Amino acid sequence: MIMNRKELIEHLRFGIVTVVFKKVNGDLREMTCTLSQDVVPPTTSNNKKTNTDVLPVWDTNKKAWRSFRLDNIVSILVGGQDRAYTG
């Protein structure tokens, strides 16, 4: 199944997603992440301009905010099913 940015964010809001992406240095990284309010610690609003090419997420293993470029996604695993990303 193919998903876009909006669908990916919805999956992240309601659960944990595994994303494999290519880092800027070319290495592959697998990250288990979420945007679920049940997991993410409370944050304050910032006035930063949103970059729609980059998605900030909560890394559930490192317990910290991380981000990845959407165009560098290799695969997405949602509920045990591999999904393709179309941007």
PDB file of N, CA and C in Angstrom:
ATOM      1  N   MET A   1       0.841  -1.177   0.000  1.00  0.00           N
ATOM      2  CA  MET A   1       0.000   0.000   0.000  1.00  0.00           C
ATOM      3  C   MET A   1       0.890   1.247   0.000  1.00  0.00           C
ATOM      4  N   ILE A   2       0.486   2.255  -0.720  1.00  0.00           N
ATOM      5  CA  ILE A   2       1.239   3.495  -0.839  1.00  0.00           C
ATOM      6  C   ILE A   2       0.600   4.559   0.045  1.00  0.00           C
ATOM      7  N   MET A   3       1.446   5.356   0.732  1.00  0.00           N
ATOM      8  CA  MET A   3       0.918   6.434   1.570  1.00  0.00           C
ATOM      9  C   MET A   3       1.624   7.733   1.234  1.00  0.00           C
ATOM     10  N   ASN A   4       0.954   8.845   1.576  1.00  0.00           N
ATOM     11  CA  ASN A   4       1.546  10.159   1.375  1.00  0.00           C
ATOM     12  C   ASN A   4       1.872  10.779   2.730  1.00  0.00           C
ATOM     13  N   ARG A   5       2.350  12.021   2.725  1.00  0.00           N
ATOM     14  CA  ARG A   5       2.782  12.706   3.951  1.00  0.00           C
ATOM     15  C   ARG A   5       1.652  12.781   4.980  1.00  0.00           C
ATOM     16  N   LYS A   6       0.484  13.172   4.536  1.00  0.00           N
ATOM     17  CA  LYS A   6      -0.662  13.318   5.442  1.00  0.00           C
ATOM     18  C   LYS A   6      -1.002  11.978   6.105  1.00  0.00           C
ATOM     19  N   GLU A   7      -1.013  10.913   5.335  1.00  0.00           N
ATOM     20  CA  GLU A   7      -1.327   9.587   5.881  1.00  0.00           C
ATOM     21  C   GLU A   7      -0.244   9.131   6.858  1.00  0.00           C
ATOM     22  N   LEU A   8       1.014   9.409   6.541  1.00  0.00           N
ATOM     23  CA  LEU A   8       2.105   9.046   7.440  1.00  0.00           C
ATOM     24  C   LEU A   8       1.942   9.760   8.777  1.00  0.00           C
ATOM     25  N   ILE A   9       1.644  11.040   8.750  1.00  0.00           N
ATOM     26  CA  ILE A   9       1.453  11.799   9.988  1.00  0.00           C
ATOM     27  C   ILE A   9       0.290  11.238  10.789  1.00  0.00           C
ATOM     28  N   GLU A  10      -0.780  10.851  10.134  1.00  0.00           N
ATOM     29  CA  GLU A  10      -1.921  10.253  10.841  1.00  0.00           C
ATOM     30  C   GLU A  10      -1.521   8.952  11.537  1.00  0.00           C
ATOM     31  N   HIS A  11      -0.757   8.108  10.853  1.00  0.00           N
ATOM     32  CA  HIS A  11      -0.287   6.861  11.476  1.00  0.00           C
ATOM     33  C   HIS A  11       0.597   7.169  12.676  1.00  0.00           C
ATOM     34  N   LEU A  12       1.450   8.169  12.548  1.00  0.00           N
ATOM     35  CA  LEU A  12       2.336   8.563  13.650  1.00  0.00           C
ATOM     36  C   LEU A  12       1.551   9.130  14.829  1.00  0.00           C
ATOM     37  N   ARG A  13       0.465   9.820  14.578  1.00  0.00           N
ATOM     38  CA  ARG A  13      -0.344  10.400  15.663  1.00  0.00           C
ATOM     39  C   ARG A  13      -1.062   9.330  16.484  1.00  0.00           C
ATOM     40  N   PHE A  14      -1.339   8.206  15.856  1.00  0.00           N
ATOM     41  CA  PHE A  14      -2.133   7.183  16.538  1.00  0.00           C
ATOM     42  C   PHE A  14      -1.352   5.943  16.925  1.00  0.00           C
ATOM     43  N   GLY A  15      -0.044   5.927  16.652  1.00  0.00           N
ATOM     44  CA  GLY A  15       0.715   4.741  17.016  1.00  0.00           C
ATOM     45  C   GLY A  15       2.195   4.893  16.721  1.00  0.00           C
ATOM     46  N   ILE A  16       2.864   3.763  16.757  1.00  0.00           N
ATOM     47  CA  ILE A  16       4.303   3.730  16.531  1.00  0.00           C
ATOM     48  C   ILE A  16       4.566   3.195  15.125  1.00  0.00           C
ATOM     49  N   VAL A  17       5.467   3.864  14.421  1.00  0.00           N
ATOM     50  CA  VAL A  17       5.791   3.534  13.038  1.00  0.00           C
ATOM     51  C   VAL A  17       7.301   3.331  12.950  1.00  0.00           C
ATOM     52  N   THR A  18       7.729   2.357  12.167  1.00  0.00           N
ATOM     53  CA  THR A  18       9.147   2.159  11.903  1.00  0.00           C
ATOM     54  C   THR A  18       9.446   2.718  10.521  1.00  0.00           C
ATOM     55  N   VAL A  19      10.392   3.652  10.480  1.00  0.00           N
ATOM     56  CA  VAL A  19      10.760   4.299   9.226  1.00  0.00           C
ATOM     57  C   VAL A  19      12.234   3.997   8.940  1.00  0.00           C
ATOM     58  N   VAL A  20      12.506   3.538   7.734  1.00  0.00           N
ATOM     59  CA  VAL A  20      13.875   3.362   7.279  1.00  0.00           C
ATOM     60  C   VAL A  20      14.130   4.483   6.275  1.00  0.00           C
ATOM     61  N   PHE A  21      15.208   5.226   6.509  1.00  0.00           N
ATOM     62  CA  PHE A  21      15.513   6.344   5.621  1.00  0.00           C
ATOM     63  C   PHE A  21      17.012   6.462   5.430  1.00  0.00           C
ATOM     64  N   LYS A  22      17.377   7.176   4.381  1.00  0.00           N
ATOM     65  CA  LYS A  22      18.787   7.411   4.092  1.00  0.00           C
ATOM     66  C   LYS A  22      19.185   8.719   4.764  1.00  0.00           C
ATOM     67  N   LYS A  23      20.200   8.651   5.615  1.00  0.00           N
ATOM     68  CA  LYS A  23      20.714   9.834   6.287  1.00  0.00           C
ATOM     69  C   LYS A  23      21.461  10.712   5.282  1.00  0.00           C
ATOM     70  N   VAL A  24      21.723  11.942   5.666  1.00  0.00           N
ATOM     71  CA  VAL A  24      22.416  12.879   4.792  1.00  0.00           C
ATOM     72  C   VAL A  24      23.770  12.335   4.352  1.00  0.00           C
ATOM     73  N   ASN A  25      24.437  11.569   5.229  1.00  0.00           N
ATOM     74  CA  ASN A  25      25.759  11.022   4.884  1.00  0.00           C
ATOM     75  C   ASN A  25      25.663   9.743   4.039  1.00  0.00           C
ATOM     76  N   GLY A  26      24.442   9.311   3.716  1.00  0.00           N
ATOM     77  CA  GLY A  26      24.245   8.137   2.869  1.00  0.00           C
ATOM     78  C   GLY A  26      23.960   6.853   3.618  1.00  0.00           C
ATOM     79  N   ASP A  27      24.192   6.832   4.938  1.00  0.00           N
ATOM     80  CA  ASP A  27      23.909   5.641   5.740  1.00  0.00           C
ATOM     81  C   ASP A  27      22.398   5.432   5.849  1.00  0.00           C
ATOM     82  N   LEU A  28      21.996   4.161   5.972  1.00  0.00           N
ATOM     83  CA  LEU A  28      20.595   3.856   6.233  1.00  0.00           C
ATOM     84  C   LEU A  28      20.363   3.847   7.735  1.00  0.00           C
ATOM     85  N   ARG A  29      19.223   4.351   8.143  1.00  0.00           N
ATOM     86  CA  ARG A  29      18.864   4.375   9.566  1.00  0.00           C
ATOM     87  C   ARG A  29      17.450   3.875   9.707  1.00  0.00           C
ATOM     88  N   GLU A  30      17.214   3.005  10.681  1.00  0.00           N
ATOM     89  CA  GLU A  30      15.869   2.527  11.016  1.00  0.00           C
ATOM     90  C   GLU A  30      15.474   3.190  12.322  1.00  0.00           C
ATOM     91  N   MET A  31      14.334   3.864  12.313  1.00  0.00           N
ATOM     92  CA  MET A  31      13.889   4.581  13.501  1.00  0.00           C
ATOM     93  C   MET A  31      12.450   4.188  13.833  1.00  0.00           C
ATOM     94  N   THR A  32      12.244   3.849  15.099  1.00  0.00           N
ATOM     95  CA  THR A  32      10.905   3.598  15.611  1.00  0.00           C
ATOM     96  C   THR A  32      10.438   4.918  16.214  1.00  0.00           C
ATOM     97  N   CYS A  33       9.336   5.448  15.680  1.00  0.00           N
ATOM     98  CA  CYS A  33       8.951   6.802  16.060  1.00  0.00           C
ATOM     99  C   CYS A  33       7.438   6.966  16.148  1.00  0.00           C
ATOM    100  N   THR A  34       7.027   8.107  16.719  1.00  0.00           N
ATOM    101  CA  THR A  34       5.618   8.396  16.896  1.00  0.00           C
ATOM    102  C   THR A  34       5.394   9.897  17.039  1.00  0.00           C
ATOM    103  N   LEU A  35       4.145  10.294  16.930  1.00  0.00           N
ATOM    104  CA  LEU A  35       3.688  11.637  17.276  1.00  0.00           C
ATOM    105  C   LEU A  35       2.514  11.533  18.251  1.00  0.00           C
ATOM    106  N   SER A  36       2.311  10.339  18.796  1.00  0.00           N
ATOM    107  CA  SER A  36       1.205  10.077  19.715  1.00  0.00           C
ATOM    108  C   SER A  36       1.354  10.892  21.000  1.00  0.00           C
ATOM    109  N   GLN A  37       0.313  11.600  21.388  1.00  0.00           N
ATOM    110  CA  GLN A  37       0.342  12.394  22.608  1.00  0.00           C
ATOM    111  C   GLN A  37       0.470  11.518  23.850  1.00  0.00           C
ATOM    112  N   ASP A  38       0.178  10.238  23.730  1.00  0.00           N
ATOM    113  CA  ASP A  38       0.336   9.313  24.853  1.00  0.00           C
ATOM    114  C   ASP A  38       1.809   9.001  25.126  1.00  0.00           C
ATOM    115  N   VAL A  39       2.681   9.236  24.151  1.00  0.00           N
ATOM    116  CA  VAL A  39       4.097   8.891  24.259  1.00  0.00           C
ATOM    117  C   VAL A  39       4.985  10.135  24.297  1.00  0.00           C
ATOM    118  N   VAL A  40       4.692  11.096  23.449  1.00  0.00           N
ATOM    119  CA  VAL A  40       5.514  12.309  23.315  1.00  0.00           C
ATOM    120  C   VAL A  40       5.363  13.177  24.560  1.00  0.00           C
ATOM    121  N   PRO A  41       6.476  13.670  25.119  1.00  0.00           N
ATOM    122  CA  PRO A  41       6.369  14.559  26.281  1.00  0.00           C
ATOM    123  C   PRO A  41       5.774  15.906  25.869  1.00  0.00           C
ATOM    124  N   PRO A  42       5.186  16.611  26.829  1.00  0.00           N
ATOM    125  CA  PRO A  42       4.611  17.929  26.508  1.00  0.00           C
ATOM    126  C   PRO A  42       5.683  18.863  25.944  1.00  0.00           C
ATOM    127  N   THR A  43       5.317  19.606  24.931  1.00  0.00           N
ATOM    128  CA  THR A  43       6.245  20.550  24.325  1.00  0.00           C
ATOM    129  C   THR A  43       5.609  21.928  24.256  1.00  0.00           C
ATOM    130  N   THR A  44       6.438  22.927  24.147  1.00  0.00           N
ATOM    131  CA  THR A  44       5.929  24.280  23.977  1.00  0.00           C
ATOM    132  C   THR A  44       5.973  24.631  22.495  1.00  0.00           C
ATOM    133  N   SER A  45       5.089  25.500  22.102  1.00  0.00           N
ATOM    134  CA  SER A  45       5.034  25.932  20.716  1.00  0.00           C
ATOM    135  C   SER A  45       6.249  26.786  20.397  1.00  0.00           C
ATOM    136  N   ASN A  46       6.746  26.632  19.179  1.00  0.00           N
ATOM    137  CA  ASN A  46       7.834  27.498  18.741  1.00  0.00           C
ATOM    138  C   ASN A  46       7.383  28.256  17.507  1.00  0.00           C
ATOM    139  N   ASN A  47       8.097  29.264  17.182  1.00  0.00           N
ATOM    140  CA  ASN A  47       7.718  30.094  16.041  1.00  0.00           C
ATOM    141  C   ASN A  47       8.556  29.793  14.808  1.00  0.00           C
ATOM    142  N   LYS A  48       9.144  28.601  14.776  1.00  0.00           N
ATOM    143  CA  LYS A  48       9.954  28.222  13.627  1.00  0.00           C
ATOM    144  C   LYS A  48       9.067  28.007  12.403  1.00  0.00           C
ATOM    145  N   LYS A  49       9.595  28.359  11.259  1.00  0.00           N
ATOM    146  CA  LYS A  49       8.898  28.097  10.009  1.00  0.00           C
ATOM    147  C   LYS A  49       8.936  26.597   9.743  1.00  0.00           C
ATOM    148  N   THR A  50       7.828  26.034   9.351  1.00  0.00           N
ATOM    149  CA  THR A  50       7.736  24.604   9.104  1.00  0.00           C
ATOM    150  C   THR A  50       8.348  24.259   7.752  1.00  0.00           C
ATOM    151  N   ASN A  51       9.255  23.298   7.749  1.00  0.00           N
ATOM    152  CA  ASN A  51       9.853  22.795   6.523  1.00  0.00           C
ATOM    153  C   ASN A  51       9.090  21.528   6.151  1.00  0.00           C
ATOM    154  N   THR A  52       8.299  21.577   5.095  1.00  0.00           N
ATOM    155  CA  THR A  52       7.467  20.436   4.730  1.00  0.00           C
ATOM    156  C   THR A  52       8.253  19.273   4.140  1.00  0.00           C
ATOM    157  N   ASP A  53       9.561  19.486   3.897  1.00  0.00           N
ATOM    158  CA  ASP A  53      10.417  18.407   3.389  1.00  0.00           C
ATOM    159  C   ASP A  53      10.976  17.541   4.499  1.00  0.00           C
ATOM    160  N   VAL A  54      10.890  18.030   5.749  1.00  0.00           N
ATOM    161  CA  VAL A  54      11.455  17.345   6.912  1.00  0.00           C
ATOM    162  C   VAL A  54      10.332  17.078   7.904  1.00  0.00           C
ATOM    163  N   LEU A  55      10.350  15.889   8.508  1.00  0.00           N
ATOM    164  CA  LEU A  55       9.319  15.536   9.484  1.00  0.00           C
ATOM    165  C   LEU A  55       9.955  15.285  10.849  1.00  0.00           C
ATOM    166  N   PRO A  56       9.670  16.146  11.832  1.00  0.00           N
ATOM    167  CA  PRO A  56      10.152  15.890  13.191  1.00  0.00           C
ATOM    168  C   PRO A  56       9.255  14.856  13.873  1.00  0.00           C
ATOM    169  N   VAL A  57       9.867  13.895  14.543  1.00  0.00           N
ATOM    170  CA  VAL A  57       9.136  12.819  15.217  1.00  0.00           C
ATOM    171  C   VAL A  57       9.818  12.507  16.540  1.00  0.00           C
ATOM    172  N   TRP A  58       9.123  11.806  17.411  1.00  0.00           N
ATOM    173  CA  TRP A  58       9.684  11.352  18.680  1.00  0.00           C
ATOM    174  C   TRP A  58      10.269   9.960  18.466  1.00  0.00           C
ATOM    175  N   ASP A  59      11.576   9.813  18.643  1.00  0.00           N
ATOM    176  CA  ASP A  59      12.249   8.523  18.524  1.00  0.00           C
ATOM    177  C   ASP A  59      12.010   7.769  19.827  1.00  0.00           C
ATOM    178  N   THR A  60      11.266   6.671  19.763  1.00  0.00           N
ATOM    179  CA  THR A  60      10.875   5.949  20.970  1.00  0.00           C
ATOM    180  C   THR A  60      12.035   5.192  21.608  1.00  0.00           C
ATOM    181  N   ASN A  61      13.088   4.911  20.855  1.00  0.00           N
ATOM    182  CA  ASN A  61      14.254   4.229  21.418  1.00  0.00           C
ATOM    183  C   ASN A  61      15.211   5.211  22.081  1.00  0.00           C
ATOM    184  N   LYS A  62      15.457   6.346  21.442  1.00  0.00           N
ATOM    185  CA  LYS A  62      16.376   7.342  21.988  1.00  0.00           C
ATOM    186  C   LYS A  62      15.679   8.313  22.944  1.00  0.00           C
ATOM    187  N   LYS A  63      14.348   8.259  22.954  1.00  0.00           N
ATOM    188  CA  LYS A  63      13.548   9.141  23.817  1.00  0.00           C
ATOM    189  C   LYS A  63      13.933  10.606  23.597  1.00  0.00           C
ATOM    190  N   ALA A  64      13.941  10.977  22.316  1.00  0.00           N
ATOM    191  CA  ALA A  64      14.311  12.339  21.941  1.00  0.00           C
ATOM    192  C   ALA A  64      13.702  12.670  20.580  1.00  0.00           C
ATOM    193  N   TRP A  65      13.602  13.965  20.308  1.00  0.00           N
ATOM    194  CA  TRP A  65      13.120  14.412  19.007  1.00  0.00           C
ATOM    195  C   TRP A  65      14.192  14.174  17.957  1.00  0.00           C
ATOM    196  N   ARG A  66      13.787  13.629  16.831  1.00  0.00           N
ATOM    197  CA  ARG A  66      14.648  13.422  15.674  1.00  0.00           C
ATOM    198  C   ARG A  66      13.828  13.809  14.439  1.00  0.00           C
ATOM    199  N   SER A  67      14.483  13.920  13.317  1.00  0.00           N
ATOM    200  CA  SER A  67      13.757  14.221  12.087  1.00  0.00           C
ATOM    201  C   SER A  67      14.418  13.525  10.914  1.00  0.00           C
ATOM    202  N   PHE A  68      13.663  13.426   9.822  1.00  0.00           N
ATOM    203  CA  PHE A  68      14.196  12.843   8.596  1.00  0.00           C
ATOM    204  C   PHE A  68      13.560  13.557   7.417  1.00  0.00           C
ATOM    205  N   ARG A  69      14.279  13.541   6.307  1.00  0.00           N
ATOM    206  CA  ARG A  69      13.767  14.131   5.078  1.00  0.00           C
ATOM    207  C   ARG A  69      12.800  13.132   4.444  1.00  0.00           C
ATOM    208  N   LEU A  70      11.630  13.617   4.074  1.00  0.00           N
ATOM    209  CA  LEU A  70      10.616  12.742   3.510  1.00  0.00           C
ATOM    210  C   LEU A  70      11.060  12.104   2.198  1.00  0.00           C
ATOM    211  N   ASP A  71      11.842  12.823   1.415  1.00  0.00           N
ATOM    212  CA  ASP A  71      12.284  12.254   0.137  1.00  0.00           C
ATOM    213  C   ASP A  71      13.387  11.218   0.306  1.00  0.00           C
ATOM    214  N   ASN A  72      13.871  11.003   1.541  1.00  0.00           N
ATOM    215  CA  ASN A  72      14.892   9.993   1.802  1.00  0.00           C
ATOM    216  C   ASN A  72      14.322   8.713   2.416  1.00  0.00           C
ATOM    217  N   ILE A  73      13.003   8.612   2.513  1.00  0.00           N
ATOM    218  CA  ILE A  73      12.375   7.412   3.075  1.00  0.00           C
ATOM    219  C   ILE A  73      12.590   6.233   2.130  1.00  0.00           C
ATOM    220  N   VAL A  74      13.044   5.126   2.710  1.00  0.00           N
ATOM    221  CA  VAL A  74      13.239   3.887   1.962  1.00  0.00           C
ATOM    222  C   VAL A  74      12.028   2.978   2.167  1.00  0.00           C
ATOM    223  N   SER A  75      11.572   2.839   3.428  1.00  0.00           N
ATOM    224  CA  SER A  75      10.389   2.022   3.709  1.00  0.00           C
ATOM    225  C   SER A  75       9.748   2.461   5.018  1.00  0.00           C
ATOM    226  N   ILE A  76       8.484   2.097   5.152  1.00  0.00           N
ATOM    227  CA  ILE A  76       7.699   2.415   6.343  1.00  0.00           C
ATOM    228  C   ILE A  76       6.998   1.134   6.770  1.00  0.00           C
ATOM    229  N   LEU A  77       7.058   0.837   8.061  1.00  0.00           N
ATOM    230  CA  LEU A  77       6.386  -0.340   8.603  1.00  0.00           C
ATOM    231  C   LEU A  77       5.318   0.139   9.582  1.00  0.00           C
ATOM    232  N   VAL A  78       4.056  -0.129   9.228  1.00  0.00           N
ATOM    233  CA  VAL A  78       2.923   0.268  10.055  1.00  0.00           C
ATOM    234  C   VAL A  78       2.124  -0.981  10.382  1.00  0.00           C
ATOM    235  N   GLY A  79       1.979  -1.265  11.666  1.00  0.00           N
ATOM    236  CA  GLY A  79       1.192  -2.424  12.070  1.00  0.00           C
ATOM    237  C   GLY A  79       1.661  -3.722  11.444  1.00  0.00           C
ATOM    238  N   GLY A  80       2.989  -3.858  11.277  1.00  0.00           N
ATOM    239  CA  GLY A  80       3.537  -5.088  10.721  1.00  0.00           C
ATOM    240  C   GLY A  80       3.477  -5.172   9.206  1.00  0.00           C
ATOM    241  N   GLN A  81       2.954  -4.135   8.546  1.00  0.00           N
ATOM    242  CA  GLN A  81       2.869  -4.145   7.082  1.00  0.00           C
ATOM    243  C   GLN A  81       3.790  -3.086   6.497  1.00  0.00           C
ATOM    244  N   ASP A  82       4.570  -3.484   5.504  1.00  0.00           N
ATOM    245  CA  ASP A  82       5.480  -2.574   4.824  1.00  0.00           C
ATOM    246  C   ASP A  82       4.660  -1.699   3.885  1.00  0.00           C
ATOM    247  N   ARG A  83       4.940  -0.395   3.902  1.00  0.00           N
ATOM    248  CA  ARG A  83       4.222   0.562   3.050  1.00  0.00           C
ATOM    249  C   ARG A  83       5.211   1.340   2.203  1.00  0.00           C
ATOM    250  N   ALA A  84       4.796   1.720   1.039  1.00  0.00           N
ATOM    251  CA  ALA A  84       5.604   2.574   0.170  1.00  0.00           C
ATOM    252  C   ALA A  84       5.198   4.025   0.415  1.00  0.00           C
ATOM    253  N   TYR A  85       6.141   4.929   0.274  1.00  0.00           N
ATOM    254  CA  TYR A  85       5.865   6.350   0.484  1.00  0.00           C
ATOM    255  C   TYR A  85       5.965   7.078  -0.837  1.00  0.00           C
ATOM    256  N   THR A  86       4.971   7.949  -1.117  1.00  0.00           N
ATOM    257  CA  THR A  86       4.946   8.669  -2.390  1.00  0.00           C
ATOM    258  C   THR A  86       5.218  10.153  -2.262  1.00  0.00           C
ATOM    259  N   GLY A  87       5.279  10.656  -1.051  1.00  0.00           N
ATOM    260  CA  GLY A  87       5.569  12.076  -0.865  1.00  0.00           C
ATOM    261  C   GLY A  87       4.406  12.986  -0.919  1.00  0.00           C
TER     262      GLY A  87
END
